[in-house]
Structures are given as C-alpha cells and as structure tokens.
Amino acid sequence: GQGTEIFRKGLIILGAVVNLALLGYFKYANFFVDNLNLVL
C-alpha cells in the first residue's frame, strides 16, 4: 500500500509487460518472425 497511485500503476504495468514479454518471446517469437517474413 505504499507509494503514490502513479507509482503503483507504473509498477503493475511493469509487471504485466515483463510477464507478457517473457511469454511472448518463448511462445510467439518464431510465429511473429515467420509471419513478418511472409507479409514483407
């Protein structure tokens, strides 16, 4: 419960970004690159 509301919002965003980045890299990186190559 400590810290300003802006700090807490920044912290939850950081947590979400790190978790999703971890999941995104291991699970979706190959899929993203393959489709990027196909489109471009």
Full PDB file with SEQRES, HELIX, SHEET, SSBOND, CRYST1, ORIGX, SCALE, CONECT and MASTER records, all heavy atoms in Angstrom:
SEQRES   1 A   40  GLY GLN GLY THR GLU ILE PHE ARG LYS GLY LEU ILE ILE          
SEQRES   2 A   40  LEU GLY ALA VAL VAL ASN LEU ALA LEU LEU GLY TYR PHE          
SEQRES   3 A   40  LYS TYR ALA ASN PHE PHE VAL ASP ASN LEU ASN LEU VAL          
SEQRES   4 A   40  LEU                                                          
HELIX    1 AA1 GLU A    5  VAL A   39  1                                  35    
CRYST1    1.000    1.000    1.000  90.00  90.00  90.00 P 1           1          
ORIGX1      1.000000  0.000000  0.000000        0.00000                         
ORIGX2      0.000000  1.000000  0.000000        0.00000                         
ORIGX3      0.000000  0.000000  1.000000        0.00000                         
SCALE1      1.000000  0.000000  0.000000        0.00000                         
SCALE2      0.000000  1.000000  0.000000        0.00000                         
SCALE3      0.000000  0.000000  1.000000        0.00000                         
ATOM      1  N   GLY A   1       0.783  -1.233   0.000  1.00  0.00           N  
ATOM      2  CA  GLY A   1       0.000   0.000   0.000  1.00  0.00           C  
ATOM      3  C   GLY A   1       0.809   1.275   0.000  1.00  0.00           C  
ATOM      4  O   GLY A   1       0.245   2.369   0.091  1.00  0.00           O  
ATOM      5  N   GLN A   2       2.122   1.162  -0.091  1.00  0.00           N  
ATOM      6  CA  GLN A   2       2.964   2.351  -0.070  1.00  0.00           C  
ATOM      7  C   GLN A   2       3.185   2.878  -1.484  1.00  0.00           C  
ATOM      8  O   GLN A   2       3.024   2.159  -2.458  1.00  0.00           O  
ATOM      9  CB  GLN A   2       4.302   2.032   0.594  1.00  0.00           C  
ATOM     10  CG  GLN A   2       4.168   1.585   2.047  1.00  0.00           C  
ATOM     11  CD  GLN A   2       5.507   1.218   2.660  1.00  0.00           C  
ATOM     12  OE1 GLN A   2       6.549   1.290   2.008  1.00  0.00           O  
ATOM     13  NE2 GLN A   2       5.489   0.816   3.924  1.00  0.00           N  
ATOM     14  N   GLY A   3       3.548   4.176  -1.555  1.00  0.00           N  
ATOM     15  CA  GLY A   3       3.813   4.788  -2.846  1.00  0.00           C  
ATOM     16  C   GLY A   3       2.580   5.462  -3.414  1.00  0.00           C  
ATOM     17  O   GLY A   3       1.438   5.161  -3.037  1.00  0.00           O  
ATOM     18  N   THR A   4       2.801   6.376  -4.322  1.00  0.00           N  
ATOM     19  CA  THR A   4       1.695   7.100  -4.953  1.00  0.00           C  
ATOM     20  C   THR A   4       0.956   6.183  -5.926  1.00  0.00           C  
ATOM     21  O   THR A   4       1.457   5.120  -6.323  1.00  0.00           O  
ATOM     22  CB  THR A   4       2.223   8.320  -5.710  1.00  0.00           C  
ATOM     23  OG1 THR A   4       3.060   7.879  -6.787  1.00  0.00           O  
ATOM     24  CG2 THR A   4       3.020   9.238  -4.776  1.00  0.00           C  
ATOM     25  N   GLU A   5      -0.223   6.604  -6.315  1.00  0.00           N  
ATOM     26  CA  GLU A   5      -1.012   5.816  -7.245  1.00  0.00           C  
ATOM     27  C   GLU A   5      -0.324   5.725  -8.606  1.00  0.00           C  
ATOM     28  O   GLU A   5      -0.408   4.695  -9.285  1.00  0.00           O  
ATOM     29  CB  GLU A   5      -2.401   6.432  -7.400  1.00  0.00           C  
ATOM     30  CG  GLU A   5      -3.378   5.574  -8.175  1.00  0.00           C  
ATOM     31  CD  GLU A   5      -3.611   4.204  -7.536  1.00  0.00           C  
ATOM     32  OE1 GLU A   5      -3.430   4.067  -6.294  1.00  0.00           O  
ATOM     33  OE2 GLU A   5      -3.947   3.265  -8.275  1.00  0.00           O  
ATOM     34  N   ILE A   6       0.367   6.788  -8.993  1.00  0.00           N  
ATOM     35  CA  ILE A   6       1.108   6.761 -10.263  1.00  0.00           C  
ATOM     36  C   ILE A   6       2.217   5.716 -10.203  1.00  0.00           C  
ATOM     37  O   ILE A   6       2.440   4.963 -11.154  1.00  0.00           O  
ATOM     38  CB  ILE A   6       1.705   8.150 -10.566  1.00  0.00           C  
ATOM     39  CG1 ILE A   6       0.583   9.162 -10.821  1.00  0.00           C  
ATOM     40  CG2 ILE A   6       2.641   8.074 -11.776  1.00  0.00           C  
ATOM     41  CD1 ILE A   6       1.069  10.562 -11.075  1.00  0.00           C  
ATOM     42  N   PHE A   7       2.911   5.659  -9.046  1.00  0.00           N  
ATOM     43  CA  PHE A   7       3.968   4.666  -8.866  1.00  0.00           C  
ATOM     44  C   PHE A   7       3.405   3.255  -8.943  1.00  0.00           C  
ATOM     45  O   PHE A   7       3.969   2.377  -9.592  1.00  0.00           O  
ATOM     46  CB  PHE A   7       4.671   4.888  -7.528  1.00  0.00           C  
ATOM     47  CG  PHE A   7       5.640   3.787  -7.172  1.00  0.00           C  
ATOM     48  CD1 PHE A   7       6.887   3.725  -7.774  1.00  0.00           C  
ATOM     49  CD2 PHE A   7       5.289   2.804  -6.238  1.00  0.00           C  
ATOM     50  CE1 PHE A   7       7.787   2.714  -7.439  1.00  0.00           C  
ATOM     51  CE2 PHE A   7       6.178   1.790  -5.918  1.00  0.00           C  
ATOM     52  CZ  PHE A   7       7.429   1.752  -6.520  1.00  0.00           C  
ATOM     53  N   ARG A   8       2.264   3.020  -8.285  1.00  0.00           N  
ATOM     54  CA  ARG A   8       1.661   1.692  -8.261  1.00  0.00           C  
ATOM     55  C   ARG A   8       1.172   1.291  -9.648  1.00  0.00           C  
ATOM     56  O   ARG A   8       1.300   0.132 -10.050  1.00  0.00           O  
ATOM     57  CB  ARG A   8       0.520   1.643  -7.243  1.00  0.00           C  
ATOM     58  CG  ARG A   8       0.974   1.935  -5.813  1.00  0.00           C  
ATOM     59  CD  ARG A   8      -0.151   1.819  -4.795  1.00  0.00           C  
ATOM     60  NE  ARG A   8      -0.468   0.424  -4.547  1.00  0.00           N  
ATOM     61  CZ  ARG A   8      -1.582  -0.184  -4.952  1.00  0.00           C  
ATOM     62  NH1 ARG A   8      -2.480   0.487  -5.662  1.00  0.00           N  
ATOM     63  NH2 ARG A   8      -1.801  -1.457  -4.673  1.00  0.00           N  
ATOM     64  N   LYS A   9       0.609   2.246 -10.396  1.00  0.00           N  
ATOM     65  CA  LYS A   9       0.187   1.940 -11.764  1.00  0.00           C  
ATOM     66  C   LYS A   9       1.383   1.601 -12.645  1.00  0.00           C  
ATOM     67  O   LYS A   9       1.333   0.676 -13.461  1.00  0.00           O  
ATOM     68  CB  LYS A   9      -0.582   3.122 -12.356  1.00  0.00           C  
ATOM     69  CG  LYS A   9      -2.004   3.254 -11.838  1.00  0.00           C  
ATOM     70  CD  LYS A   9      -2.743   4.381 -12.554  1.00  0.00           C  
ATOM     71  CE  LYS A   9      -4.193   4.462 -12.071  1.00  0.00           C  
ATOM     72  NZ  LYS A   9      -4.939   5.552 -12.742  1.00  0.00           N  
ATOM     73  N   GLY A  10       2.456   2.350 -12.464  1.00  0.00           N  
ATOM     74  CA  GLY A  10       3.673   2.051 -13.221  1.00  0.00           C  
ATOM     75  C   GLY A  10       4.218   0.683 -12.892  1.00  0.00           C  
ATOM     76  O   GLY A  10       4.715  -0.046 -13.766  1.00  0.00           O  
ATOM     77  N   LEU A  11       4.100   0.304 -11.612  1.00  0.00           N  
ATOM     78  CA  LEU A  11       4.612  -0.993 -11.171  1.00  0.00           C  
ATOM     79  C   LEU A  11       3.790  -2.140 -11.743  1.00  0.00           C  
ATOM     80  O   LEU A  11       4.354  -3.155 -12.199  1.00  0.00           O  
ATOM     81  CB  LEU A  11       4.603  -1.043  -9.635  1.00  0.00           C  
ATOM     82  CG  LEU A  11       5.564  -2.029  -8.957  1.00  0.00           C  
ATOM     83  CD1 LEU A  11       7.005  -1.771  -9.399  1.00  0.00           C  
ATOM     84  CD2 LEU A  11       5.437  -1.908  -7.443  1.00  0.00           C  
ATOM     85  N   ILE A  12       2.461  -2.000 -11.760  1.00  0.00           N  
ATOM     86  CA  ILE A  12       1.636  -3.075 -12.299  1.00  0.00           C  
ATOM     87  C   ILE A  12       1.825  -3.180 -13.811  1.00  0.00           C  
ATOM     88  O   ILE A  12       1.823  -4.283 -14.375  1.00  0.00           O  
ATOM     89  CB  ILE A  12       0.143  -2.871 -11.938  1.00  0.00           C  
ATOM     90  CG1 ILE A  12      -0.681  -4.091 -12.358  1.00  0.00           C  
ATOM     91  CG2 ILE A  12      -0.430  -1.626 -12.584  1.00  0.00           C  
ATOM     92  CD1 ILE A  12      -0.359  -5.361 -11.649  1.00  0.00           C  
ATOM     93  N   ILE A  13       2.025  -2.053 -14.464  1.00  0.00           N  
ATOM     94  CA  ILE A  13       2.306  -2.083 -15.905  1.00  0.00           C  
ATOM     95  C   ILE A  13       3.633  -2.776 -16.169  1.00  0.00           C  
ATOM     96  O   ILE A  13       3.756  -3.595 -17.092  1.00  0.00           O  
ATOM     97  CB  ILE A  13       2.302  -0.660 -16.488  1.00  0.00           C  
ATOM     98  CG1 ILE A  13       0.880  -0.083 -16.461  1.00  0.00           C  
ATOM     99  CG2 ILE A  13       2.845  -0.649 -17.917  1.00  0.00           C  
ATOM    100  CD1 ILE A  13       0.802   1.377 -16.853  1.00  0.00           C  
ATOM    101  N   LEU A  14       4.633  -2.459 -15.351  1.00  0.00           N  
ATOM    102  CA  LEU A  14       5.941  -3.112 -15.486  1.00  0.00           C  
ATOM    103  C   LEU A  14       5.802  -4.619 -15.308  1.00  0.00           C  
ATOM    104  O   LEU A  14       6.369  -5.401 -16.089  1.00  0.00           O  
ATOM    105  CB  LEU A  14       6.914  -2.550 -14.451  1.00  0.00           C  
ATOM    106  CG  LEU A  14       8.275  -3.267 -14.368  1.00  0.00           C  
ATOM    107  CD1 LEU A  14       9.054  -3.070 -15.667  1.00  0.00           C  
ATOM    108  CD2 LEU A  14       9.071  -2.759 -13.160  1.00  0.00           C  
ATOM    109  N   GLY A  15       5.054  -5.027 -14.285  1.00  0.00           N  
ATOM    110  CA  GLY A  15       4.856  -6.452 -14.058  1.00  0.00           C  
ATOM    111  C   GLY A  15       4.187  -7.136 -15.232  1.00  0.00           C  
ATOM    112  O   GLY A  15       4.605  -8.221 -15.660  1.00  0.00           O  
ATOM    113  N   ALA A  16       3.148  -6.494 -15.775  1.00  0.00           N  
ATOM    114  CA  ALA A  16       2.438  -7.078 -16.913  1.00  0.00           C  
ATOM    115  C   ALA A  16       3.338  -7.160 -18.135  1.00  0.00           C  
ATOM    116  O   ALA A  16       3.356  -8.179 -18.845  1.00  0.00           O  
ATOM    117  CB  ALA A  16       1.190  -6.251 -17.220  1.00  0.00           C  
ATOM    118  N   VAL A  17       4.098  -6.112 -18.391  1.00  0.00           N  
ATOM    119  CA  VAL A  17       4.974  -6.069 -19.569  1.00  0.00           C  
ATOM    120  C   VAL A  17       6.040  -7.154 -19.487  1.00  0.00           C  
ATOM    121  O   VAL A  17       6.306  -7.877 -20.468  1.00  0.00           O  
ATOM    122  CB  VAL A  17       5.622  -4.681 -19.728  1.00  0.00           C  
ATOM    123  CG1 VAL A  17       6.745  -4.722 -20.764  1.00  0.00           C  
ATOM    124  CG2 VAL A  17       4.578  -3.644 -20.125  1.00  0.00           C  
ATOM    125  N   VAL A  18       6.669  -7.287 -18.319  1.00  0.00           N  
ATOM    126  CA  VAL A  18       7.730  -8.289 -18.165  1.00  0.00           C  
ATOM    127  C   VAL A  18       7.166  -9.696 -18.343  1.00  0.00           C  
ATOM    128  O   VAL A  18       7.751 -10.539 -19.044  1.00  0.00           O  
ATOM    129  CB  VAL A  18       8.415  -8.148 -16.788  1.00  0.00           C  
ATOM    130  CG1 VAL A  18       9.344  -9.332 -16.527  1.00  0.00           C  
ATOM    131  CG2 VAL A  18       9.196  -6.839 -16.718  1.00  0.00           C  
ATOM    132  N   ASN A  19       6.018  -9.983 -17.725  1.00  0.00           N  
ATOM    133  CA  ASN A  19       5.422 -11.316 -17.845  1.00  0.00           C  
ATOM    134  C   ASN A  19       4.995 -11.618 -19.276  1.00  0.00           C  
ATOM    135  O   ASN A  19       5.253 -12.715 -19.790  1.00  0.00           O  
ATOM    136  CB  ASN A  19       4.217 -11.433 -16.906  1.00  0.00           C  
ATOM    137  CG  ASN A  19       4.616 -11.732 -15.477  1.00  0.00           C  
ATOM    138  OD1 ASN A  19       5.055 -12.830 -15.158  1.00  0.00           O  
ATOM    139  ND2 ASN A  19       4.470 -10.751 -14.609  1.00  0.00           N  
ATOM    140  N   LEU A  20       4.358 -10.646 -19.915  1.00  0.00           N  
ATOM    141  CA  LEU A  20       3.916 -10.861 -21.292  1.00  0.00           C  
ATOM    142  C   LEU A  20       5.095 -10.945 -22.259  1.00  0.00           C  
ATOM    143  O   LEU A  20       5.044 -11.687 -23.248  1.00  0.00           O  
ATOM    144  CB  LEU A  20       2.962  -9.742 -21.714  1.00  0.00           C  
ATOM    145  CG  LEU A  20       1.592  -9.749 -21.024  1.00  0.00           C  
ATOM    146  CD1 LEU A  20       0.777  -8.537 -21.441  1.00  0.00           C  
ATOM    147  CD2 LEU A  20       0.832 -11.038 -21.341  1.00  0.00           C  
ATOM    148  N   ALA A  21       6.154 -10.181 -21.968  1.00  0.00           N  
ATOM    149  CA  ALA A  21       7.347 -10.248 -22.817  1.00  0.00           C  
ATOM    150  C   ALA A  21       7.996 -11.625 -22.721  1.00  0.00           C  
ATOM    151  O   ALA A  21       8.445 -12.192 -23.729  1.00  0.00           O  
ATOM    152  CB  ALA A  21       8.339  -9.161 -22.415  1.00  0.00           C  
ATOM    153  N   LEU A  22       8.050 -12.153 -21.513  1.00  0.00           N  
ATOM    154  CA  LEU A  22       8.611 -13.489 -21.307  1.00  0.00           C  
ATOM    155  C   LEU A  22       7.799 -14.524 -22.069  1.00  0.00           C  
ATOM    156  O   LEU A  22       8.355 -15.352 -22.814  1.00  0.00           O  
ATOM    157  CB  LEU A  22       8.620 -13.815 -19.812  1.00  0.00           C  
ATOM    158  CG  LEU A  22       9.257 -15.149 -19.408  1.00  0.00           C  
ATOM    159  CD1 LEU A  22      10.780 -15.078 -19.567  1.00  0.00           C  
ATOM    160  CD2 LEU A  22       8.893 -15.489 -17.960  1.00  0.00           C  
ATOM    161  N   LEU A  23       6.479 -14.462 -21.899  1.00  0.00           N  
ATOM    162  CA  LEU A  23       5.606 -15.400 -22.593  1.00  0.00           C  
ATOM    163  C   LEU A  23       5.676 -15.192 -24.105  1.00  0.00           C  
ATOM    164  O   LEU A  23       5.733 -16.147 -24.880  1.00  0.00           O  
ATOM    165  CB  LEU A  23       4.166 -15.215 -22.102  1.00  0.00           C  
ATOM    166  CG  LEU A  23       3.106 -16.168 -22.646  1.00  0.00           C  
ATOM    167  CD1 LEU A  23       3.431 -17.604 -22.254  1.00  0.00           C  
ATOM    168  CD2 LEU A  23       1.722 -15.782 -22.134  1.00  0.00           C  
ATOM    169  N   GLY A  24       5.697 -13.919 -24.518  1.00  0.00           N  
ATOM    170  CA  GLY A  24       5.728 -13.609 -25.938  1.00  0.00           C  
ATOM    171  C   GLY A  24       6.982 -14.102 -26.627  1.00  0.00           C  
ATOM    172  O   GLY A  24       6.927 -14.637 -27.739  1.00  0.00           O  
ATOM    173  N   TYR A  25       8.127 -13.955 -25.959  1.00  0.00           N  
ATOM    174  CA  TYR A  25       9.382 -14.394 -26.576  1.00  0.00           C  
ATOM    175  C   TYR A  25       9.392 -15.909 -26.782  1.00  0.00           C  
ATOM    176  O   TYR A  25       9.656 -16.401 -27.887  1.00  0.00           O  
ATOM    177  CB  TYR A  25      10.575 -13.982 -25.717  1.00  0.00           C  
ATOM    178  CG  TYR A  25      11.873 -14.592 -26.188  1.00  0.00           C  
ATOM    179  CD1 TYR A  25      12.514 -14.108 -27.326  1.00  0.00           C  
ATOM    180  CD2 TYR A  25      12.440 -15.677 -25.517  1.00  0.00           C  
ATOM    181  CE1 TYR A  25      13.696 -14.688 -27.784  1.00  0.00           C  
ATOM    182  CE2 TYR A  25      13.622 -16.250 -25.964  1.00  0.00           C  
ATOM    183  CZ  TYR A  25      14.243 -15.763 -27.098  1.00  0.00           C  
ATOM    184  OH  TYR A  25      15.400 -16.342 -27.545  1.00  0.00           O  
ATOM    185  N   PHE A  26       9.123 -16.649 -25.731  1.00  0.00           N  
ATOM    186  CA  PHE A  26       9.233 -18.096 -25.821  1.00  0.00           C  
ATOM    187  C   PHE A  26       8.118 -18.718 -26.657  1.00  0.00           C  
ATOM    188  O   PHE A  26       8.332 -19.730 -27.324  1.00  0.00           O  
ATOM    189  CB  PHE A  26       9.240 -18.721 -24.420  1.00  0.00           C  
ATOM    190  CG  PHE A  26      10.554 -18.606 -23.711  1.00  0.00           C  
ATOM    191  CD1 PHE A  26      10.755 -17.633 -22.743  1.00  0.00           C  
ATOM    192  CD2 PHE A  26      11.601 -19.444 -24.033  1.00  0.00           C  
ATOM    193  CE1 PHE A  26      11.977 -17.528 -22.087  1.00  0.00           C  
ATOM    194  CE2 PHE A  26      12.835 -19.337 -23.392  1.00  0.00           C  
ATOM    195  CZ  PHE A  26      13.011 -18.363 -22.418  1.00  0.00           C  
ATOM    196  N   LYS A  27       6.931 -18.113 -26.630  1.00  0.00           N  
ATOM    197  CA  LYS A  27       5.789 -18.756 -27.273  1.00  0.00           C  
ATOM    198  C   LYS A  27       5.486 -18.212 -28.655  1.00  0.00           C  
ATOM    199  O   LYS A  27       4.986 -18.951 -29.524  1.00  0.00           O  
ATOM    200  CB  LYS A  27       4.564 -18.613 -26.368  1.00  0.00           C  
ATOM    201  CG  LYS A  27       3.430 -19.569 -26.713  1.00  0.00           C  
ATOM    202  CD  LYS A  27       2.439 -19.658 -25.576  1.00  0.00           C  
ATOM    203  CE  LYS A  27       1.391 -20.722 -25.860  1.00  0.00           C  
ATOM    204  NZ  LYS A  27       0.478 -20.923 -24.714  1.00  0.00           N  
ATOM    205  N   TYR A  28       5.782 -16.917 -28.896  1.00  0.00           N  
ATOM    206  CA  TYR A  28       5.301 -16.300 -30.122  1.00  0.00           C  
ATOM    207  C   TYR A  28       6.380 -15.698 -31.013  1.00  0.00           C  
ATOM    208  O   TYR A  28       6.060 -15.229 -32.108  1.00  0.00           O  
ATOM    209  CB  TYR A  28       4.269 -15.215 -29.779  1.00  0.00           C  
ATOM    210  CG  TYR A  28       3.132 -15.735 -28.933  1.00  0.00           C  
ATOM    211  CD1 TYR A  28       3.030 -15.397 -27.586  1.00  0.00           C  
ATOM    212  CD2 TYR A  28       2.168 -16.583 -29.474  1.00  0.00           C  
ATOM    213  CE1 TYR A  28       1.991 -15.886 -26.806  1.00  0.00           C  
ATOM    214  CE2 TYR A  28       1.132 -17.079 -28.707  1.00  0.00           C  
ATOM    215  CZ  TYR A  28       1.048 -16.727 -27.359  1.00  0.00           C  
ATOM    216  OH  TYR A  28       0.028 -17.216 -26.594  1.00  0.00           O  
ATOM    217  N   ALA A  29       7.629 -15.689 -30.573  1.00  0.00           N  
ATOM    218  CA  ALA A  29       8.672 -15.037 -31.365  1.00  0.00           C  
ATOM    219  C   ALA A  29       8.824 -15.679 -32.742  1.00  0.00           C  
ATOM    220  O   ALA A  29       8.872 -14.988 -33.768  1.00  0.00           O  
ATOM    221  CB  ALA A  29      10.001 -15.066 -30.606  1.00  0.00           C  
ATOM    222  N   ASN A  30       8.911 -16.998 -32.789  1.00  0.00           N  
ATOM    223  CA  ASN A  30       9.044 -17.684 -34.078  1.00  0.00           C  
ATOM    224  C   ASN A  30       7.836 -17.430 -34.974  1.00  0.00           C  
ATOM    225  O   ASN A  30       7.975 -17.196 -36.179  1.00  0.00           O  
ATOM    226  CB  ASN A  30       9.224 -19.190 -33.869  1.00  0.00           C  
ATOM    227  CG  ASN A  30      10.591 -19.559 -33.315  1.00  0.00           C  
ATOM    228  OD1 ASN A  30      10.690 -20.235 -32.287  1.00  0.00           O  
ATOM    229  ND2 ASN A  30      11.653 -19.113 -33.976  1.00  0.00           N  
ATOM    230  N   PHE A  31       6.660 -17.468 -34.399  1.00  0.00           N  
ATOM    231  CA  PHE A  31       5.423 -17.229 -35.150  1.00  0.00           C  
ATOM    232  C   PHE A  31       5.407 -15.812 -35.718  1.00  0.00           C  
ATOM    233  O   PHE A  31       5.058 -15.599 -36.890  1.00  0.00           O  
ATOM    234  CB  PHE A  31       4.227 -17.452 -34.223  1.00  0.00           C  
ATOM    235  CG  PHE A  31       2.894 -17.153 -34.851  1.00  0.00           C  
ATOM    236  CD1 PHE A  31       2.380 -17.952 -35.863  1.00  0.00           C  
ATOM    237  CD2 PHE A  31       2.141 -16.067 -34.417  1.00  0.00           C  
ATOM    238  CE1 PHE A  31       1.145 -17.679 -36.437  1.00  0.00           C  
ATOM    239  CE2 PHE A  31       0.909 -15.778 -34.985  1.00  0.00           C  
ATOM    240  CZ  PHE A  31       0.410 -16.592 -35.995  1.00  0.00           C  
ATOM    241  N   PHE A  32       5.816 -14.846 -34.917  1.00  0.00           N  
ATOM    242  CA  PHE A  32       5.834 -13.448 -35.360  1.00  0.00           C  
ATOM    243  C   PHE A  32       6.826 -13.245 -36.508  1.00  0.00           C  
ATOM    244  O   PHE A  32       6.506 -12.627 -37.526  1.00  0.00           O  
ATOM    245  CB  PHE A  32       6.189 -12.542 -34.184  1.00  0.00           C  
ATOM    246  CG  PHE A  32       6.350 -11.100 -34.565  1.00  0.00           C  
ATOM    247  CD1 PHE A  32       5.240 -10.288 -34.793  1.00  0.00           C  
ATOM    248  CD2 PHE A  32       7.617 -10.540 -34.710  1.00  0.00           C  
ATOM    249  CE1 PHE A  32       5.391  -8.957 -35.150  1.00  0.00           C  
ATOM    250  CE2 PHE A  32       7.778  -9.216 -35.066  1.00  0.00           C  
ATOM    251  CZ  PHE A  32       6.660  -8.425 -35.296  1.00  0.00           C  
ATOM    252  N   VAL A  33       8.035 -13.779 -36.365  1.00  0.00           N  
ATOM    253  CA  VAL A  33       9.060 -13.607 -37.392  1.00  0.00           C  
ATOM    254  C   VAL A  33       8.649 -14.301 -38.695  1.00  0.00           C  
ATOM    255  O   VAL A  33       8.813 -13.742 -39.790  1.00  0.00           O  
ATOM    256  CB  VAL A  33      10.416 -14.137 -36.896  1.00  0.00           C  
ATOM    257  CG1 VAL A  33      11.437 -14.179 -38.031  1.00  0.00           C  
ATOM    258  CG2 VAL A  33      10.943 -13.272 -35.753  1.00  0.00           C  
ATOM    259  N   ASP A  34       8.091 -15.489 -38.591  1.00  0.00           N  
ATOM    260  CA  ASP A  34       7.664 -16.220 -39.785  1.00  0.00           C  
ATOM    261  C   ASP A  34       6.594 -15.445 -40.552  1.00  0.00           C  
ATOM    262  O   ASP A  34       6.636 -15.349 -41.792  1.00  0.00           O  
ATOM    263  CB  ASP A  34       7.128 -17.601 -39.406  1.00  0.00           C  
ATOM    264  CG  ASP A  34       8.225 -18.536 -38.917  1.00  0.00           C  
ATOM    265  OD1 ASP A  34       9.405 -18.231 -39.156  1.00  0.00           O  
ATOM    266  OD2 ASP A  34       7.891 -19.561 -38.279  1.00  0.00           O  
ATOM    267  N   ASN A  35       5.633 -14.883 -39.835  1.00  0.00           N  
ATOM    268  CA  ASN A  35       4.562 -14.138 -40.499  1.00  0.00           C  
ATOM    269  C   ASN A  35       5.044 -12.785 -41.002  1.00  0.00           C  
ATOM    270  O   ASN A  35       4.570 -12.300 -42.033  1.00  0.00           O  
ATOM    271  CB  ASN A  35       3.377 -13.957 -39.546  1.00  0.00           C  
ATOM    272  CG  ASN A  35       2.527 -15.209 -39.428  1.00  0.00           C  
ATOM    273  OD1 ASN A  35       1.660 -15.462 -40.246  1.00  0.00           O  
ATOM    274  ND2 ASN A  35       2.811 -16.011 -38.408  1.00  0.00           N  
ATOM    275  N   LEU A  36       5.996 -12.187 -40.300  1.00  0.00           N  
ATOM    276  CA  LEU A  36       6.582 -10.934 -40.766  1.00  0.00           C  
ATOM    277  C   LEU A  36       7.305 -11.150 -42.090  1.00  0.00           C  
ATOM    278  O   LEU A  36       7.166 -10.355 -43.033  1.00  0.00           O  
ATOM    279  CB  LEU A  36       7.548 -10.385 -39.713  1.00  0.00           C  
ATOM    280  CG  LEU A  36       8.146  -9.002 -39.989  1.00  0.00           C  
ATOM    281  CD1 LEU A  36       7.053  -7.938 -39.941  1.00  0.00           C  
ATOM    282  CD2 LEU A  36       9.239  -8.676 -38.973  1.00  0.00           C  
ATOM    283  N   ASN A  37       8.055 -12.229 -42.174  1.00  0.00           N  
ATOM    284  CA  ASN A  37       8.750 -12.555 -43.422  1.00  0.00           C  
ATOM    285  C   ASN A  37       7.761 -12.832 -44.552  1.00  0.00           C  
ATOM    286  O   ASN A  37       7.995 -12.451 -45.710  1.00  0.00           O  
ATOM    287  CB  ASN A  37       9.643 -13.782 -43.220  1.00  0.00           C  
ATOM    288  CG  ASN A  37      10.854 -13.467 -42.358  1.00  0.00           C  
ATOM    289  OD1 ASN A  37      11.298 -12.329 -42.278  1.00  0.00           O  
ATOM    290  ND2 ASN A  37      11.388 -14.484 -41.700  1.00  0.00           N  
ATOM    291  N   LEU A  38       6.659 -13.483 -44.224  1.00  0.00           N  
ATOM    292  CA  LEU A  38       5.658 -13.817 -45.235  1.00  0.00           C  
ATOM    293  C   LEU A  38       4.997 -12.555 -45.794  1.00  0.00           C  
ATOM    294  O   LEU A  38       4.801 -12.425 -47.005  1.00  0.00           O  
ATOM    295  CB  LEU A  38       4.601 -14.736 -44.626  1.00  0.00           C  
ATOM    296  CG  LEU A  38       3.502 -15.238 -45.567  1.00  0.00           C  
ATOM    297  CD1 LEU A  38       4.100 -16.115 -46.662  1.00  0.00           C  
ATOM    298  CD2 LEU A  38       2.450 -16.021 -44.778  1.00  0.00           C  
ATOM    299  N   VAL A  39       4.687 -11.606 -44.913  1.00  0.00           N  
ATOM    300  CA  VAL A  39       3.983 -10.391 -45.330  1.00  0.00           C  
ATOM    301  C   VAL A  39       4.924  -9.424 -46.046  1.00  0.00           C  
ATOM    302  O   VAL A  39       4.582  -8.857 -47.093  1.00  0.00           O  
ATOM    303  CB  VAL A  39       3.330  -9.702 -44.117  1.00  0.00           C  
ATOM    304  CG1 VAL A  39       2.769  -8.330 -44.505  1.00  0.00           C  
ATOM    305  CG2 VAL A  39       2.231 -10.580 -43.536  1.00  0.00           C  
ATOM    306  N   LEU A  40       6.126  -9.239 -45.500  1.00  0.00           N  
ATOM    307  CA  LEU A  40       7.047  -8.229 -46.036  1.00  0.00           C  
ATOM    308  C   LEU A  40       8.034  -8.788 -47.053  1.00  0.00           C  
ATOM    309  O   LEU A  40       8.761  -8.027 -47.701  1.00  0.00           O  
ATOM    310  CB  LEU A  40       7.823  -7.566 -44.888  1.00  0.00           C  
ATOM    311  CG  LEU A  40       6.983  -6.854 -43.824  1.00  0.00           C  
ATOM    312  CD1 LEU A  40       7.886  -6.241 -42.760  1.00  0.00           C  
ATOM    313  CD2 LEU A  40       6.083  -5.784 -44.464  1.00  0.00           C  
TER     314      LEU A  40                                                      
MASTER        0    0    0    1    0    0    0    6  313    1    0    4          
END                                                                             
